[in-house]
């Protein structure tokens, strides 16, 4: 991946975190480090998108809920959904409803984001898969596609509030048979969701 120098002397921004996350993941095979930076970029995006929500966890989970149509397309190949509730028994410390179901935003927030940001690792009960498997299929853990990285990345990149990001990332992505430069997509959620 090539980076075009756009440094104007400002502090690190969301775009720099996204660029660094992709670099760590793709060039250096540092999956958790890359995902951690995407989670930080997601936190900053949620803060910008929902400034009136005061609790950080509520703000981040709201961002995941609102942007789940994007997260699902890129992070859960073959699924396009407005939200998902999943039976969850392998992660007993996540609060479920009376039927044992939990929202995907809770899974992402508690087992991926919080574990990476606060503990520098993904919850050991999470199993990243190459397939689109989501949930408890056996007692060994909770399955989630490894493409969740791209789902969260695209939610951050396409977020309207991030339209001012200047980080030029020379990666391309296919959407509906058309190839786009990732750096062309900053803040274009409305165009994408047409």
Protein backbone atom coordinates (compact mmCIF):
# COMPACT_ATOMS: atom_id res chain seq x y z
CA UNK A 1 0.00 0.00 0.00
CA UNK A 2 1.31 3.43 -0.90
CA UNK A 3 0.65 6.54 1.10
CA UNK A 4 0.57 9.99 -0.45
CA UNK A 5 2.15 12.53 1.86
CA UNK A 6 -0.56 14.93 3.01
CA UNK A 7 0.99 15.90 6.34
CA UNK A 8 0.19 19.50 7.18
CA UNK A 9 1.73 19.43 10.64
CA UNK A 10 -1.56 18.71 12.40
CA UNK A 11 -2.11 16.07 15.02
CA UNK A 12 -3.06 12.51 14.12
CA UNK A 13 -6.58 12.20 12.85
CA UNK A 14 -9.05 9.49 12.02
CA UNK A 15 -7.59 9.13 8.52
CA UNK A 16 -4.11 8.49 9.88
CA UNK A 17 -5.47 5.79 12.17
CA UNK A 18 -7.30 4.13 9.27
CA UNK A 19 -4.20 4.28 7.06
CA UNK A 20 -2.03 2.85 9.86
CA UNK A 21 -4.57 0.11 10.63
CA UNK A 22 -4.62 -1.08 7.03
CA UNK A 23 -0.83 -0.94 6.85
CA UNK A 24 -0.41 -2.97 10.06
CA UNK A 25 -2.98 -5.54 8.98
CA UNK A 26 -2.01 -5.97 5.33
CA UNK A 27 1.73 -5.36 5.22
CA UNK A 28 2.85 -6.53 8.65
CA UNK A 29 0.15 -9.14 9.41
CA UNK A 30 -0.69 -7.49 12.74
CA UNK A 31 -4.42 -8.21 12.82
CA UNK A 32 -5.13 -7.12 16.39
CA UNK A 33 -3.04 -3.94 16.14
CA UNK A 34 -4.85 -2.96 12.96
CA UNK A 35 -8.24 -3.75 14.44
CA UNK A 36 -7.34 -1.78 17.57
CA UNK A 37 -6.60 1.33 15.50
CA UNK A 38 -9.87 0.90 13.62
CA UNK A 39 -11.66 0.69 16.98
CA UNK A 40 -9.99 3.95 18.01
CA UNK A 41 -11.07 5.56 14.73
CA UNK A 42 -14.58 4.20 15.35
CA UNK A 43 -14.56 5.79 18.83
CA UNK A 44 -13.57 9.18 17.37
CA UNK A 45 -16.16 8.84 14.60
CA UNK A 46 -18.87 8.03 17.16
CA UNK A 47 -17.86 11.06 19.21
CA UNK A 48 -18.20 13.29 16.15
CA UNK A 49 -21.43 11.69 14.93
CA UNK A 50 -23.27 11.70 18.27
CA UNK A 51 -21.95 14.61 20.39
CA UNK A 52 -25.13 14.82 22.48
CA UNK A 53 -24.78 11.27 23.80
CA UNK A 54 -22.65 11.61 26.92
CA UNK A 55 -21.81 7.99 27.73
CA UNK A 56 -18.98 6.64 25.60
CA UNK A 57 -20.31 3.07 25.40
CA UNK A 58 -23.76 4.28 24.32
CA UNK A 59 -22.20 6.56 21.70
CA UNK A 60 -20.08 3.77 20.20
CA UNK A 61 -22.89 1.21 20.22
CA UNK A 62 -25.20 3.79 18.59
CA UNK A 63 -22.59 4.32 15.85
CA UNK A 64 -22.40 0.56 15.26
CA UNK A 65 -26.22 0.34 15.10
CA UNK A 66 -26.61 3.28 12.71
CA UNK A 67 -23.76 2.16 10.46
CA UNK A 68 -24.57 -1.54 10.60
CA UNK A 69 -25.91 -1.59 7.03
CA UNK A 70 -22.36 -0.64 5.93
CA UNK A 71 -20.66 -2.88 8.51
CA UNK A 72 -22.75 -5.86 7.39
CA UNK A 73 -22.00 -5.45 3.66
CA UNK A 74 -18.23 -5.31 4.17
CA UNK A 75 -17.81 -7.18 7.45
CA UNK A 76 -20.27 -10.01 7.00
CA UNK A 77 -19.93 -11.06 3.34
CA UNK A 78 -23.26 -12.10 1.87
CA UNK A 79 -25.31 -10.29 4.52
CA UNK A 80 -26.93 -6.89 4.19
CA UNK A 81 -28.84 -6.04 7.34
CA UNK A 82 -30.00 -3.13 9.43
CA UNK A 83 -29.18 -5.02 12.62
CA UNK A 84 -28.63 -8.52 13.96
CA UNK A 85 -29.59 -10.15 17.26
CA UNK A 86 -27.77 -13.36 18.00
CA UNK A 87 -28.14 -16.18 20.50
CA UNK A 88 -25.12 -15.88 22.77
CA UNK A 89 -24.21 -18.40 25.45
CA UNK A 90 -20.40 -18.61 25.14
CA UNK A 91 -19.89 -15.08 26.48
CA UNK A 92 -21.90 -15.10 29.70
CA UNK A 93 -20.72 -11.67 30.89
CA UNK A 94 -22.59 -9.95 28.02
CA UNK A 95 -26.11 -9.09 29.06
CA UNK A 96 -28.67 -10.85 26.87
CA UNK A 97 -32.41 -10.39 26.62
CA UNK A 98 -34.84 -12.82 28.26
CA UNK A 99 -34.47 -15.26 25.32
CA UNK A 100 -30.65 -15.27 25.41
CA UNK A 101 -30.14 -12.92 22.42
CA UNK A 102 -27.77 -9.98 22.16
CA UNK A 103 -27.29 -7.22 19.58
CA UNK A 104 -24.22 -7.43 17.36
CA UNK A 105 -23.25 -3.96 18.64
CA UNK A 106 -22.72 -5.48 22.11
CA UNK A 107 -20.54 -8.26 20.71
CA UNK A 108 -18.42 -5.79 18.73
CA UNK A 109 -18.24 -3.28 21.58
CA UNK A 110 -17.45 -5.59 24.50
CA UNK A 111 -15.51 -8.50 23.00
CA UNK A 112 -13.58 -6.71 20.28
CA UNK A 113 -13.38 -2.97 20.93
CA UNK A 114 -13.11 -2.95 24.74
CA UNK A 115 -10.77 -5.94 24.89
CA UNK A 116 -8.45 -4.38 22.30
CA UNK A 117 -8.51 -0.84 23.70
CA UNK A 118 -8.19 -1.85 27.37
CA UNK A 119 -6.36 -5.17 27.19
CA UNK A 120 -4.54 -5.15 23.82
CA UNK A 121 -6.17 -8.40 22.72
CA UNK A 122 -9.50 -9.68 21.44
CA UNK A 123 -11.61 -11.66 23.91
CA UNK A 124 -10.32 -15.25 23.85
CA UNK A 125 -13.86 -16.53 23.28
CA UNK A 126 -14.03 -14.83 19.86
CA UNK A 127 -13.10 -17.00 16.88
CA UNK A 128 -12.43 -15.10 13.65
CA UNK A 129 -13.54 -17.13 10.64
CA UNK A 130 -12.98 -16.93 6.90
CA UNK A 131 -16.68 -17.67 6.39
CA UNK A 132 -19.67 -15.58 7.35
CA UNK A 133 -20.39 -17.40 10.60
CA UNK A 134 -21.86 -15.33 13.40
CA UNK A 135 -22.69 -16.83 16.78
CA UNK A 136 -22.28 -19.76 19.10
CA UNK A 137 -21.97 -22.93 17.06
CA UNK A 138 -20.18 -25.01 19.65
CA UNK A 139 -18.72 -24.58 23.12
CA UNK A 140 -15.37 -23.36 21.79
CA UNK A 141 -16.40 -19.74 21.36
CA UNK A 142 -18.32 -17.12 19.43
CA UNK A 143 -17.66 -17.00 15.68
CA UNK A 144 -17.40 -13.74 13.77
CA UNK A 145 -15.99 -13.16 10.27
CA UNK A 146 -12.45 -11.78 10.08
CA UNK A 147 -13.84 -9.30 7.53
CA UNK A 148 -15.29 -7.38 10.49
CA UNK A 149 -12.11 -5.31 10.07
CA UNK A 150 -13.36 -4.09 6.67
CA UNK A 151 -16.88 -3.57 7.94
CA UNK A 152 -15.71 -1.27 10.72
CA UNK A 153 -13.18 0.42 8.42
CA UNK A 154 -15.81 1.23 5.81
CA UNK A 155 -18.24 2.53 8.46
CA UNK A 156 -15.53 4.97 9.58
CA UNK A 157 -14.50 5.97 6.05
CA UNK A 158 -18.06 6.45 4.76
CA UNK A 159 -19.27 8.34 7.86
CA UNK A 160 -20.46 11.78 6.74
CA UNK A 161 -18.72 13.43 9.68
CA UNK A 162 -15.39 12.14 8.38
CA UNK A 163 -15.70 13.84 4.98
CA UNK A 164 -12.92 16.25 5.95
CA UNK A 165 -10.31 13.52 6.41
CA UNK A 166 -7.33 14.08 4.18
CA UNK A 167 -5.51 10.78 4.49
CA UNK A 168 -4.96 9.40 1.02
CA UNK A 169 -5.00 5.62 1.05
CA UNK A 170 -4.17 4.04 -2.27
CA UNK A 171 -6.18 0.89 -1.64
CA UNK A 172 -9.16 0.09 -3.79
CA UNK A 173 -12.39 -1.64 -2.94
CA UNK A 174 -15.16 -3.06 -5.13
CA UNK A 175 -18.71 -1.91 -4.56
CA UNK A 176 -21.44 -3.18 -6.85
CA UNK A 177 -18.99 -4.21 -9.55
CA UNK A 178 -17.27 -0.80 -9.59
CA UNK A 179 -13.78 -0.23 -8.16
CA UNK A 180 -13.20 2.82 -5.96
CA UNK A 181 -10.09 4.25 -4.37
CA UNK A 182 -10.65 4.12 -0.62
CA UNK A 183 -9.55 7.75 -0.30
CA UNK A 184 -12.38 8.79 -2.67
CA UNK A 185 -14.99 7.50 -0.24
CA UNK A 186 -14.41 9.69 2.84
CA UNK A 187 -17.82 10.89 4.08
CA UNK A 188 -19.84 9.43 1.19
CA UNK A 189 -22.33 7.38 3.19
CA UNK A 190 -25.37 8.88 1.43
CA UNK A 191 -24.00 8.03 -2.00
CA UNK A 192 -23.13 4.52 -0.86
CA UNK A 193 -26.51 3.85 0.76
CA UNK A 194 -28.56 4.89 -2.31
